[in-house]
Amino acid sequence: MAAQRVEQARQAEARKVSRRSFMRVSAFAGLTLALGAFSAFFLGFFNLRSPQGFGRPVTVPKIQIPEPGAEPVRITEGKFWLVNLDGNEGDVLDQGGTGGLLALYWKCPHLGCTVPWRGDFDGAEVAFPGVQGWFRCPCHGSTYSRAGVRVFGPAPRPLDTFLLTTNPDGSVTVNTRGLTLGGGAVPNPKRAVPYSG
């Protein structure tokens, strides 16, 4: 009986974790978690955001569609700018296009900042003197033409566009799930959809 109690006590002692072992395991686990969290945070700055289609179709009534060459209209519901390019204005980098409507996603492809339209911004600051009105990222200065073409700054490509269709009543429907990355084989100005309103 006494031998059995001694054996049980020895087994219980063997199962106990020493304070030193517990502290060692706890410190290692804490260090691993902290290093993992820091790495994820740090690497997030180097990851260029890959936008994903996120919404549903948004219908813009005819009354909200800008005239050709007029300032872009911000469509908050769909997170895009609606631009009506004038066929005569062309694009600052001569990429072509005949005018029409573009739905530009308002997030900068650099780090995802919201890009506002700056009607007062002078193109002389980005080597385009005499051209007034640009999309300009407030975070790192990436600058885009009315067609969303990048002309200055760290952004890796032009503004992304959404698929857009015209409706018989003069309204347009923008599919915010149909995101097309800026640039590529078809430049933004050539993506414009003809619109007669």
N, C-alpha and C. Protein backbone atom coordinates (compact mmCIF):
# COMPACT_ATOMS: atom_id res chain seq x y z
N MET A 1 0.82 -1.17 0.00
CA MET A 1 0.00 0.00 0.00
C MET A 1 0.88 1.25 0.00
N ALA A 2 1.87 1.29 0.86
CA ALA A 2 2.78 2.43 0.94
C ALA A 2 3.58 2.53 -0.35
N ALA A 3 3.99 1.40 -0.90
CA ALA A 3 4.75 1.40 -2.15
C ALA A 3 3.90 1.94 -3.29
N GLN A 4 2.61 1.61 -3.23
CA GLN A 4 1.70 2.09 -4.28
C GLN A 4 1.55 3.60 -4.19
N ARG A 5 1.45 4.16 -2.96
CA ARG A 5 1.34 5.61 -2.79
C ARG A 5 2.61 6.31 -3.23
N VAL A 6 3.74 5.73 -2.94
CA VAL A 6 5.02 6.32 -3.36
C VAL A 6 5.09 6.35 -4.89
N GLU A 7 4.66 5.27 -5.53
CA GLU A 7 4.67 5.19 -7.00
C GLU A 7 3.72 6.23 -7.60
N GLN A 8 2.53 6.40 -7.00
CA GLN A 8 1.57 7.39 -7.48
C GLN A 8 2.13 8.80 -7.32
N ALA A 9 2.80 9.05 -6.19
CA ALA A 9 3.39 10.37 -5.95
C ALA A 9 4.49 10.65 -6.97
N ARG A 10 5.31 9.63 -7.30
CA ARG A 10 6.38 9.78 -8.28
C ARG A 10 5.80 10.10 -9.67
N GLN A 11 4.71 9.40 -10.03
CA GLN A 11 4.08 9.64 -11.33
C GLN A 11 3.46 11.04 -11.38
N ALA A 12 2.86 11.47 -10.29
CA ALA A 12 2.27 12.81 -10.24
C ALA A 12 3.36 13.86 -10.36
N GLU A 13 4.50 13.64 -9.72
CA GLU A 13 5.63 14.57 -9.79
C GLU A 13 6.18 14.63 -11.21
N ALA A 14 6.21 13.49 -11.88
CA ALA A 14 6.72 13.44 -13.26
C ALA A 14 5.79 14.20 -14.21
N ARG A 15 4.49 14.22 -13.92
CA ARG A 15 3.53 14.91 -14.79
C ARG A 15 3.54 16.42 -14.55
N LYS A 16 4.02 16.88 -13.43
CA LYS A 16 4.04 18.31 -13.12
C LYS A 16 5.02 19.02 -14.05
N VAL A 17 4.64 20.21 -14.44
CA VAL A 17 5.51 21.04 -15.27
C VAL A 17 6.26 21.96 -14.33
N SER A 18 7.55 21.99 -14.48
CA SER A 18 8.33 22.87 -13.60
C SER A 18 8.07 24.33 -14.00
N ARG A 19 8.29 25.21 -13.07
CA ARG A 19 8.08 26.64 -13.32
C ARG A 19 8.99 27.10 -14.45
N ARG A 20 10.21 26.64 -14.46
CA ARG A 20 11.17 27.02 -15.48
C ARG A 20 10.69 26.57 -16.87
N SER A 21 10.19 25.35 -16.98
CA SER A 21 9.68 24.84 -18.26
C SER A 21 8.47 25.66 -18.71
N PHE A 22 7.58 25.94 -17.78
CA PHE A 22 6.39 26.72 -18.12
C PHE A 22 6.78 28.11 -18.63
N MET A 23 7.70 28.77 -17.96
CA MET A 23 8.14 30.11 -18.37
C MET A 23 8.82 30.06 -19.74
N ARG A 24 9.61 29.03 -19.98
CA ARG A 24 10.31 28.89 -21.26
C ARG A 24 9.30 28.73 -22.40
N VAL A 25 8.33 27.85 -22.22
CA VAL A 25 7.31 27.61 -23.25
C VAL A 25 6.47 28.87 -23.46
N SER A 26 6.09 29.55 -22.37
CA SER A 26 5.29 30.77 -22.48
C SER A 26 6.04 31.87 -23.22
N ALA A 27 7.31 32.06 -22.89
CA ALA A 27 8.11 33.09 -23.56
C ALA A 27 8.27 32.77 -25.05
N PHE A 28 8.52 31.52 -25.37
CA PHE A 28 8.68 31.13 -26.78
C PHE A 28 7.37 31.35 -27.55
N ALA A 29 6.24 30.97 -26.95
CA ALA A 29 4.94 31.15 -27.61
C ALA A 29 4.63 32.64 -27.80
N GLY A 30 4.90 33.45 -26.78
CA GLY A 30 4.66 34.89 -26.89
C GLY A 30 5.53 35.53 -27.95
N LEU A 31 6.80 35.14 -27.99
CA LEU A 31 7.72 35.68 -29.00
C LEU A 31 7.28 35.28 -30.40
N THR A 32 6.85 34.04 -30.56
CA THR A 32 6.39 33.56 -31.87
C THR A 32 5.16 34.33 -32.32
N LEU A 33 4.20 34.54 -31.42
CA LEU A 33 3.00 35.30 -31.78
C LEU A 33 3.35 36.75 -32.13
N ALA A 34 4.20 37.38 -31.34
CA ALA A 34 4.58 38.77 -31.61
C ALA A 34 5.31 38.89 -32.95
N LEU A 35 6.21 37.98 -33.23
CA LEU A 35 6.95 38.00 -34.49
C LEU A 35 6.00 37.77 -35.67
N GLY A 36 5.06 36.86 -35.52
CA GLY A 36 4.08 36.61 -36.59
C GLY A 36 3.21 37.83 -36.86
N ALA A 37 2.74 38.47 -35.80
CA ALA A 37 1.89 39.66 -35.95
C ALA A 37 2.68 40.80 -36.59
N PHE A 38 3.91 41.01 -36.15
CA PHE A 38 4.75 42.06 -36.73
C PHE A 38 5.03 41.79 -38.20
N SER A 39 5.32 40.55 -38.54
CA SER A 39 5.60 40.20 -39.94
C SER A 39 4.38 40.45 -40.82
N ALA A 40 3.21 40.06 -40.36
CA ALA A 40 1.98 40.27 -41.14
C ALA A 40 1.73 41.76 -41.34
N PHE A 41 1.91 42.55 -40.29
CA PHE A 41 1.72 43.99 -40.37
C PHE A 41 2.73 44.61 -41.32
N PHE A 42 3.99 44.24 -41.19
CA PHE A 42 5.07 44.80 -42.00
C PHE A 42 4.91 44.43 -43.47
N LEU A 43 4.62 43.18 -43.75
CA LEU A 43 4.49 42.73 -45.14
C LEU A 43 3.25 43.32 -45.81
N GLY A 44 2.26 43.72 -45.03
CA GLY A 44 1.07 44.35 -45.60
C GLY A 44 1.37 45.63 -46.34
N PHE A 45 2.44 46.34 -45.96
CA PHE A 45 2.81 47.57 -46.64
C PHE A 45 3.39 47.30 -48.02
N PHE A 46 3.92 46.13 -48.25
CA PHE A 46 4.54 45.82 -49.53
C PHE A 46 3.60 45.08 -50.46
N ASN A 47 2.46 44.71 -49.98
CA ASN A 47 1.50 43.97 -50.79
C ASN A 47 0.64 44.96 -51.55
N LEU A 48 0.82 45.04 -52.87
CA LEU A 48 -0.04 45.90 -53.66
C LEU A 48 -1.44 45.31 -53.62
N ARG A 49 -2.37 46.14 -53.33
CA ARG A 49 -3.73 45.66 -53.17
C ARG A 49 -4.30 45.19 -54.50
N SER A 50 -4.90 44.05 -54.46
CA SER A 50 -5.56 43.50 -55.64
C SER A 50 -7.06 43.63 -55.42
N PRO A 51 -7.65 44.65 -56.02
CA PRO A 51 -9.07 44.88 -55.75
C PRO A 51 -9.94 43.74 -56.25
N GLN A 52 -11.01 43.52 -55.56
CA GLN A 52 -11.95 42.46 -55.91
C GLN A 52 -13.31 43.11 -56.18
N GLY A 53 -14.05 42.55 -57.11
CA GLY A 53 -15.41 43.01 -57.31
C GLY A 53 -16.17 42.85 -56.01
N PHE A 54 -16.96 43.83 -55.64
CA PHE A 54 -17.49 43.77 -54.28
C PHE A 54 -18.98 44.01 -54.18
N GLY A 55 -19.60 44.53 -55.19
CA GLY A 55 -20.97 44.97 -54.96
C GLY A 55 -21.99 44.35 -55.87
N ARG A 56 -22.87 45.19 -56.27
CA ARG A 56 -23.98 44.78 -57.11
C ARG A 56 -24.13 45.83 -58.20
N PRO A 57 -24.97 45.60 -59.17
CA PRO A 57 -25.18 46.63 -60.20
C PRO A 57 -25.76 47.91 -59.59
N VAL A 58 -25.23 49.05 -60.02
CA VAL A 58 -25.70 50.35 -59.57
C VAL A 58 -26.21 51.10 -60.80
N THR A 59 -27.45 51.54 -60.74
CA THR A 59 -28.02 52.30 -61.86
C THR A 59 -27.90 53.79 -61.57
N VAL A 60 -27.32 54.51 -62.53
CA VAL A 60 -27.16 55.95 -62.41
C VAL A 60 -28.19 56.60 -63.33
N PRO A 61 -29.12 57.41 -62.78
CA PRO A 61 -30.14 58.03 -63.62
C PRO A 61 -29.53 59.04 -64.60
N LYS A 62 -30.23 59.26 -65.68
CA LYS A 62 -29.76 60.15 -66.74
C LYS A 62 -29.40 61.53 -66.20
N ILE A 63 -30.14 62.01 -65.22
CA ILE A 63 -29.91 63.35 -64.68
C ILE A 63 -28.55 63.49 -64.00
N GLN A 64 -27.97 62.37 -63.53
CA GLN A 64 -26.68 62.41 -62.84
C GLN A 64 -25.49 62.24 -63.78
N ILE A 65 -25.74 61.92 -65.01
CA ILE A 65 -24.64 61.66 -65.95
C ILE A 65 -24.07 62.99 -66.42
N PRO A 66 -22.76 63.19 -66.26
CA PRO A 66 -22.17 64.47 -66.65
C PRO A 66 -22.17 64.66 -68.17
N GLU A 67 -22.15 65.91 -68.57
CA GLU A 67 -22.03 66.25 -70.00
C GLU A 67 -20.62 65.88 -70.46
N PRO A 68 -20.43 65.65 -71.76
CA PRO A 68 -19.07 65.36 -72.25
C PRO A 68 -18.10 66.49 -71.89
N GLY A 69 -16.98 66.13 -71.30
CA GLY A 69 -15.96 67.09 -70.91
C GLY A 69 -16.20 67.76 -69.57
N ALA A 70 -17.37 67.53 -68.95
CA ALA A 70 -17.67 68.15 -67.65
C ALA A 70 -16.92 67.41 -66.54
N GLU A 71 -16.95 68.00 -65.35
CA GLU A 71 -16.28 67.36 -64.21
C GLU A 71 -16.92 66.01 -63.90
N PRO A 72 -16.12 65.04 -63.47
CA PRO A 72 -16.65 63.72 -63.11
C PRO A 72 -17.64 63.81 -61.95
N VAL A 73 -18.54 62.86 -61.89
CA VAL A 73 -19.55 62.80 -60.83
C VAL A 73 -19.21 61.63 -59.91
N ARG A 74 -19.18 61.91 -58.61
CA ARG A 74 -18.88 60.88 -57.62
C ARG A 74 -20.16 60.11 -57.30
N ILE A 75 -20.12 58.79 -57.52
CA ILE A 75 -21.27 57.93 -57.22
C ILE A 75 -20.91 57.13 -55.96
N THR A 76 -21.34 57.65 -54.81
CA THR A 76 -20.96 57.07 -53.52
C THR A 76 -21.45 55.64 -53.36
N GLU A 77 -22.65 55.36 -53.81
CA GLU A 77 -23.24 54.03 -53.64
C GLU A 77 -22.36 52.94 -54.26
N GLY A 78 -21.73 53.24 -55.39
CA GLY A 78 -20.93 52.24 -56.08
C GLY A 78 -19.43 52.41 -55.93
N LYS A 79 -19.00 53.45 -55.20
CA LYS A 79 -17.58 53.72 -54.98
C LYS A 79 -16.83 53.95 -56.29
N PHE A 80 -17.41 54.78 -57.15
CA PHE A 80 -16.74 55.08 -58.41
C PHE A 80 -17.02 56.51 -58.85
N TRP A 81 -16.20 56.96 -59.78
CA TRP A 81 -16.39 58.24 -60.45
C TRP A 81 -16.96 57.95 -61.83
N LEU A 82 -17.99 58.67 -62.21
CA LEU A 82 -18.55 58.55 -63.55
C LEU A 82 -18.00 59.70 -64.38
N VAL A 83 -17.29 59.37 -65.44
CA VAL A 83 -16.63 60.35 -66.29
C VAL A 83 -17.23 60.26 -67.69
N ASN A 84 -17.50 61.41 -68.29
CA ASN A 84 -17.97 61.45 -69.67
C ASN A 84 -16.90 62.15 -70.49
N LEU A 85 -16.06 61.36 -71.14
CA LEU A 85 -14.96 61.92 -71.92
C LEU A 85 -15.48 62.55 -73.20
N ASP A 86 -14.99 63.74 -73.49
CA ASP A 86 -15.31 64.42 -74.74
C ASP A 86 -14.46 63.79 -75.83
N GLY A 87 -15.07 63.45 -76.94
CA GLY A 87 -14.33 62.80 -78.02
C GLY A 87 -13.21 63.65 -78.56
N ASN A 88 -13.30 64.98 -78.42
CA ASN A 88 -12.27 65.87 -78.94
C ASN A 88 -11.14 66.10 -77.95
N GLU A 89 -11.36 65.80 -76.68
CA GLU A 89 -10.33 66.12 -75.69
C GLU A 89 -9.16 65.16 -75.73
N GLY A 90 -9.38 63.93 -76.18
CA GLY A 90 -8.29 62.96 -76.21
C GLY A 90 -7.81 62.67 -74.81
N ASP A 91 -6.69 62.03 -74.72
CA ASP A 91 -6.11 61.74 -73.41
C ASP A 91 -4.71 62.32 -73.39
N VAL A 92 -4.23 62.69 -72.22
CA VAL A 92 -2.95 63.38 -72.11
C VAL A 92 -1.77 62.56 -72.62
N LEU A 93 -1.88 61.26 -72.65
CA LEU A 93 -0.78 60.42 -73.13
C LEU A 93 -1.05 59.87 -74.53
N ASP A 94 -2.05 60.43 -75.21
CA ASP A 94 -2.39 60.03 -76.58
C ASP A 94 -2.59 58.53 -76.73
N GLN A 95 -3.38 57.96 -75.84
CA GLN A 95 -3.67 56.53 -75.93
C GLN A 95 -4.88 56.24 -76.80
N GLY A 96 -5.49 57.28 -77.32
CA GLY A 96 -6.62 57.09 -78.21
C GLY A 96 -7.94 57.13 -77.49
N GLY A 97 -8.96 56.69 -78.17
CA GLY A 97 -10.30 56.72 -77.61
C GLY A 97 -11.13 57.78 -78.32
N THR A 98 -12.42 57.57 -78.35
CA THR A 98 -13.32 58.48 -79.06
C THR A 98 -14.31 59.15 -78.13
N GLY A 99 -14.09 59.06 -76.85
CA GLY A 99 -15.00 59.66 -75.89
C GLY A 99 -16.03 58.65 -75.40
N GLY A 100 -16.82 59.07 -74.43
CA GLY A 100 -17.84 58.20 -73.86
C GLY A 100 -17.72 58.11 -72.35
N LEU A 101 -18.48 57.20 -71.77
CA LEU A 101 -18.55 57.07 -70.31
C LEU A 101 -17.56 56.05 -69.78
N LEU A 102 -16.97 56.39 -68.65
CA LEU A 102 -16.10 55.49 -67.90
C LEU A 102 -16.55 55.50 -66.44
N ALA A 103 -16.55 54.35 -65.80
CA ALA A 103 -16.79 54.25 -64.36
C ALA A 103 -15.46 53.87 -63.73
N LEU A 104 -14.81 54.84 -63.09
CA LEU A 104 -13.48 54.64 -62.50
C LEU A 104 -13.62 54.31 -61.01
N TYR A 105 -13.09 53.17 -60.60
CA TYR A 105 -13.07 52.80 -59.18
C TYR A 105 -12.25 53.85 -58.45
N TRP A 106 -12.76 54.34 -57.33
CA TRP A 106 -12.12 55.49 -56.70
C TRP A 106 -10.96 55.14 -55.77
N LYS A 107 -10.53 53.90 -55.76
CA LYS A 107 -9.39 53.51 -54.92
C LYS A 107 -8.10 53.53 -55.72
N CYS A 108 -7.06 54.09 -55.12
CA CYS A 108 -5.75 54.13 -55.77
C CYS A 108 -5.16 52.72 -55.79
N PRO A 109 -4.65 52.28 -56.94
CA PRO A 109 -4.08 50.93 -57.00
C PRO A 109 -2.76 50.79 -56.24
N HIS A 110 -2.24 51.88 -55.70
CA HIS A 110 -0.99 51.81 -54.95
C HIS A 110 -1.23 51.19 -53.58
N LEU A 111 -1.96 51.89 -52.70
CA LEU A 111 -2.23 51.37 -51.36
C LEU A 111 -3.69 51.48 -50.95
N GLY A 112 -4.56 51.76 -51.90
CA GLY A 112 -5.99 51.73 -51.61
C GLY A 112 -6.59 53.00 -51.05
N CYS A 113 -5.89 54.12 -51.12
CA CYS A 113 -6.46 55.38 -50.65
C CYS A 113 -7.58 55.82 -51.60
N THR A 114 -8.56 56.54 -51.09
CA THR A 114 -9.63 57.06 -51.93
C THR A 114 -9.10 58.26 -52.71
N VAL A 115 -9.28 58.23 -54.02
CA VAL A 115 -8.73 59.27 -54.90
C VAL A 115 -9.83 60.29 -55.24
N PRO A 116 -9.66 61.55 -54.81
CA PRO A 116 -10.65 62.57 -55.14
C PRO A 116 -10.35 63.24 -56.48
N TRP A 117 -11.38 63.85 -57.05
CA TRP A 117 -11.22 64.67 -58.25
C TRP A 117 -10.81 66.06 -57.77
N ARG A 118 -9.75 66.60 -58.37
CA ARG A 118 -9.27 67.93 -58.01
C ARG A 118 -9.41 68.82 -59.23
N GLY A 119 -10.54 69.47 -59.35
CA GLY A 119 -10.79 70.34 -60.50
C GLY A 119 -9.87 71.54 -60.55
N ASP A 120 -9.31 71.93 -59.39
CA ASP A 120 -8.43 73.09 -59.32
C ASP A 120 -6.95 72.74 -59.50
N PHE A 121 -6.63 71.47 -59.61
CA PHE A 121 -5.23 71.06 -59.69
C PHE A 121 -4.67 71.37 -61.07
N ASP A 122 -3.53 72.07 -61.11
CA ASP A 122 -2.90 72.47 -62.37
C ASP A 122 -1.93 71.40 -62.83
N GLY A 123 -2.07 70.98 -64.06
CA GLY A 123 -1.21 69.95 -64.62
C GLY A 123 0.25 70.34 -64.72
N ALA A 124 0.57 71.63 -64.57
CA ALA A 124 1.97 72.06 -64.63
C ALA A 124 2.79 71.38 -63.53
N GLU A 125 2.15 71.01 -62.43
CA GLU A 125 2.86 70.36 -61.33
C GLU A 125 3.27 68.93 -61.67
N VAL A 126 2.65 68.35 -62.71
CA VAL A 126 2.99 66.98 -63.11
C VAL A 126 3.37 66.92 -64.59
N ALA A 127 3.99 67.99 -65.09
CA ALA A 127 4.52 68.08 -66.46
C ALA A 127 3.45 68.17 -67.54
N PHE A 128 2.25 68.66 -67.21
CA PHE A 128 1.20 68.87 -68.20
C PHE A 128 0.63 70.28 -68.04
N PRO A 129 1.43 71.32 -68.36
CA PRO A 129 0.96 72.69 -68.17
C PRO A 129 -0.28 72.98 -69.02
N GLY A 130 -1.18 73.74 -68.46
CA GLY A 130 -2.40 74.13 -69.16
C GLY A 130 -3.55 73.16 -69.01
N VAL A 131 -3.30 71.98 -68.47
CA VAL A 131 -4.37 71.00 -68.27
C VAL A 131 -4.86 71.14 -66.83
N GLN A 132 -6.11 71.52 -66.69
CA GLN A 132 -6.70 71.76 -65.37
C GLN A 132 -7.64 70.62 -65.01
N GLY A 133 -7.56 70.13 -63.78
CA GLY A 133 -8.45 69.09 -63.29
C GLY A 133 -7.86 67.70 -63.45
N TRP A 134 -7.62 67.04 -62.30
CA TRP A 134 -7.00 65.71 -62.28
C TRP A 134 -7.55 64.92 -61.11
N PHE A 135 -7.43 63.61 -61.20
CA PHE A 135 -7.63 62.76 -60.02
C PHE A 135 -6.28 62.71 -59.34
N ARG A 136 -6.25 63.02 -58.03
CA ARG A 136 -4.96 63.09 -57.34
C ARG A 136 -5.08 62.41 -55.98
N CYS A 137 -4.26 61.37 -55.77
CA CYS A 137 -4.27 60.61 -54.52
C CYS A 137 -3.67 61.46 -53.40
N PRO A 138 -4.39 61.66 -52.30
CA PRO A 138 -3.87 62.48 -51.21
C PRO A 138 -2.79 61.77 -50.39
N CYS A 139 -2.63 60.47 -50.53
CA CYS A 139 -1.68 59.73 -49.71
C CYS A 139 -0.24 59.85 -50.22
N HIS A 140 -0.03 59.55 -51.50
CA HIS A 140 1.33 59.54 -52.02
C HIS A 140 1.49 60.31 -53.33
N GLY A 141 0.46 61.05 -53.73
CA GLY A 141 0.58 61.95 -54.87
C GLY A 141 0.39 61.36 -56.25
N SER A 142 -0.03 60.11 -56.36
CA SER A 142 -0.28 59.57 -57.70
C SER A 142 -1.35 60.44 -58.36
N THR A 143 -1.11 60.77 -59.63
CA THR A 143 -1.98 61.67 -60.36
C THR A 143 -2.48 60.97 -61.61
N TYR A 144 -3.78 61.15 -61.89
CA TYR A 144 -4.43 60.45 -63.00
C TYR A 144 -5.21 61.45 -63.85
N SER A 145 -5.24 61.19 -65.16
CA SER A 145 -6.02 62.02 -66.07
C SER A 145 -7.51 61.77 -65.87
N ARG A 146 -8.34 62.50 -66.60
CA ARG A 146 -9.79 62.29 -66.52
C ARG A 146 -10.18 60.88 -66.91
N ALA A 147 -9.36 60.23 -67.73
CA ALA A 147 -9.63 58.84 -68.13
C ALA A 147 -9.03 57.84 -67.16
N GLY A 148 -8.44 58.33 -66.07
CA GLY A 148 -7.86 57.44 -65.06
C GLY A 148 -6.47 56.95 -65.40
N VAL A 149 -5.82 57.57 -66.39
CA VAL A 149 -4.47 57.16 -66.79
C VAL A 149 -3.46 57.77 -65.83
N ARG A 150 -2.57 56.94 -65.27
CA ARG A 150 -1.56 57.44 -64.34
C ARG A 150 -0.50 58.22 -65.10
N VAL A 151 -0.25 59.45 -64.64
CA VAL A 151 0.78 60.28 -65.26
C VAL A 151 1.89 60.64 -64.29
N PHE A 152 1.68 60.37 -62.99
CA PHE A 152 2.68 60.74 -62.00
C PHE A 152 2.44 59.95 -60.72
N GLY A 153 3.53 59.61 -60.02
CA GLY A 153 3.42 59.00 -58.70
C GLY A 153 3.73 57.52 -58.67
N PRO A 154 3.65 56.94 -57.47
CA PRO A 154 4.09 55.55 -57.27
C PRO A 154 3.08 54.47 -57.65
N ALA A 155 1.87 54.84 -58.05
CA ALA A 155 0.88 53.81 -58.39
C ALA A 155 1.40 52.94 -59.54
N PRO A 156 1.16 51.63 -59.49
CA PRO A 156 1.72 50.73 -60.50
C PRO A 156 0.95 50.71 -61.82
N ARG A 157 -0.25 51.31 -61.85
CA ARG A 157 -1.06 51.23 -63.07
C ARG A 157 -2.14 52.32 -63.01
N PRO A 158 -2.89 52.47 -64.11
CA PRO A 158 -4.01 53.42 -64.11
C PRO A 158 -5.10 53.00 -63.13
N LEU A 159 -6.07 53.89 -62.93
CA LEU A 159 -7.22 53.55 -62.09
C LEU A 159 -7.99 52.40 -62.72
N ASP A 160 -8.56 51.56 -61.89
CA ASP A 160 -9.34 50.42 -62.37
C ASP A 160 -10.72 50.91 -62.82
N THR A 161 -11.34 50.15 -63.71
CA THR A 161 -12.66 50.53 -64.23
C THR A 161 -13.69 49.45 -63.93
N PHE A 162 -14.96 49.86 -63.91
CA PHE A 162 -16.07 48.93 -63.77
C PHE A 162 -16.76 48.78 -65.12
N LEU A 163 -17.37 47.62 -65.33
CA LEU A 163 -18.16 47.40 -66.53
C LEU A 163 -19.39 48.30 -66.49
N LEU A 164 -19.71 48.89 -67.63
CA LEU A 164 -20.78 49.87 -67.70
C LEU A 164 -21.64 49.58 -68.93
N THR A 165 -22.95 49.64 -68.77
CA THR A 165 -23.85 49.47 -69.92
C THR A 165 -24.87 50.60 -69.92
N THR A 166 -25.25 51.02 -71.12
CA THR A 166 -26.27 52.07 -71.24
C THR A 166 -27.65 51.43 -71.34
N ASN A 167 -28.64 52.14 -70.85
CA ASN A 167 -30.02 51.65 -70.85
C ASN A 167 -30.87 52.50 -71.80
N PRO A 168 -31.97 51.96 -72.33
CA PRO A 168 -32.81 52.70 -73.27
C PRO A 168 -33.35 54.03 -72.72
N ASP A 169 -33.54 54.12 -71.39
CA ASP A 169 -34.08 55.36 -70.81
C ASP A 169 -33.02 56.43 -70.57
N GLY A 170 -31.78 56.18 -70.99
CA GLY A 170 -30.71 57.16 -70.83
C GLY A 170 -29.90 56.97 -69.56
N SER A 171 -30.33 56.09 -68.68
CA SER A 171 -29.55 55.79 -67.48
C SER A 171 -28.43 54.82 -67.85
N VAL A 172 -27.51 54.62 -66.94
CA VAL A 172 -26.46 53.63 -67.15
C VAL A 172 -26.42 52.71 -65.94
N THR A 173 -26.03 51.47 -66.17
CA THR A 173 -25.87 50.50 -65.09
C THR A 173 -24.41 50.13 -65.00
N VAL A 174 -23.86 50.27 -63.81
CA VAL A 174 -22.45 49.96 -63.56
C VAL A 174 -22.40 48.71 -62.70
N ASN A 175 -21.72 47.69 -63.19
CA ASN A 175 -21.60 46.44 -62.45
C ASN A 175 -20.35 46.52 -61.57
N THR A 176 -20.55 46.75 -60.28
CA THR A 176 -19.40 46.91 -59.39
C THR A 176 -18.74 45.59 -59.04
N ARG A 177 -19.24 44.49 -59.58
CA ARG A 177 -18.53 43.21 -59.47
C ARG A 177 -17.60 43.02 -60.65
N GLY A 178 -17.86 43.74 -61.72
CA GLY A 178 -17.07 43.59 -62.94
C GLY A 178 -15.91 44.55 -62.99
N LEU A 179 -14.95 44.39 -62.10
CA LEU A 179 -13.79 45.27 -62.03
C LEU A 179 -12.74 44.82 -63.02
N THR A 180 -12.23 45.79 -63.80
CA THR A 180 -11.15 45.51 -64.75
C THR A 180 -9.95 46.34 -64.31
N LEU A 181 -8.80 45.69 -64.14
CA LEU A 181 -7.61 46.41 -63.70
C LEU A 181 -7.21 47.43 -64.75
N GLY A 182 -6.74 48.59 -64.26
CA GLY A 182 -6.30 49.64 -65.17
C GLY A 182 -5.10 49.20 -65.98
N GLY A 183 -4.95 49.78 -67.15
CA GLY A 183 -3.83 49.41 -68.03
C GLY A 183 -4.15 48.15 -68.79
N GLY A 184 -3.14 47.39 -69.09
CA GLY A 184 -3.35 46.14 -69.82
C GLY A 184 -3.43 46.37 -71.32
N ALA A 185 -4.03 45.42 -72.01
CA ALA A 185 -4.08 45.46 -73.47
C ALA A 185 -4.95 46.60 -73.99
N VAL A 186 -6.01 46.94 -73.26
CA VAL A 186 -6.90 48.03 -73.69
C VAL A 186 -6.77 49.18 -72.69
N PRO A 187 -6.17 50.31 -73.11
CA PRO A 187 -6.02 51.42 -72.17
C PRO A 187 -7.38 52.02 -71.79
N ASN A 188 -7.42 52.68 -70.65
CA ASN A 188 -8.67 53.23 -70.13
C ASN A 188 -9.44 54.08 -71.14
N PRO A 189 -8.81 55.02 -71.88
CA PRO A 189 -9.60 55.85 -72.80
C PRO A 189 -10.36 55.03 -73.85
N LYS A 190 -9.82 53.89 -74.23
CA LYS A 190 -10.48 53.06 -75.24
C LYS A 190 -11.57 52.17 -74.63
N ARG A 191 -11.68 52.16 -73.31
CA ARG A 191 -12.74 51.40 -72.63
C ARG A 191 -14.03 52.21 -72.53
N ALA A 192 -13.96 53.49 -72.85
CA ALA A 192 -15.14 54.35 -72.71
C ALA A 192 -16.29 53.82 -73.56
N VAL A 193 -17.48 53.84 -72.98
CA VAL A 193 -18.69 53.36 -73.66
C VAL A 193 -19.39 54.55 -74.30
N PRO A 194 -19.63 54.51 -75.61
CA PRO A 194 -20.32 55.63 -76.27
C PRO A 194 -21.67 55.91 -75.60
N TYR A 195 -21.98 57.20 -75.47
CA TYR A 195 -23.23 57.59 -74.80
C TYR A 195 -23.81 58.80 -75.52
N SER A 196 -25.06 58.68 -75.92
CA SER A 196 -25.71 59.80 -76.61
C SER A 196 -26.77 60.45 -75.73
N GLY A 197 -27.09 59.82 -74.61
CA GLY A 197 -27.99 60.37 -73.62
C GLY A 197 -29.36 60.58 -74.12
